[in-house]
Amino acid sequence: MTLSWYKSILKKDGAMKSLVDMAISKALKVWMQSQLDTYLAMESVSLDAKAASCTVSFIPHGEQDVVELTIAPYTLVKGEQGYVVKAEGVQCSRVWLERLAGNYLLGKEYPVPAFVAKLI
């Protein structure tokens, strides 16, 4: 599947778009949990490719309340080494986490995991 194929789905079929977004969201949740297990428990990941938005809900270890982090908008670009994602905006239900996430995410390109790239 190519980026142009995915973009054509976004323009045509809302049901197909939703299915692709759900599949990518589930894959991202599993991957994020494996990467961040030391720090938090993942609750959910919700991707909306058409809106270029991804919301992650999690509970930091030692805490009881769910934290929501939204990356929006973001850009997805196919380069020579595969897909990269670049966050252009970050919002979080905790100000200090929003600032921390902004320092690590905003304006930087990160490679899309290979198994997620297969769904694009």
Foldseek 3Di string as FASTA:
>chain_A
DDPVVLVVCVVPPPVVQQVLQVVLFVVVQVVVCVVQVVFWHWDTWGDRVVQQKIKTWIATPPGDDIKIKMFPHKDWDQDPVGIKIAGQAMDIPDVVVRVVCCVVGHPDIDHDDPVSSVSD
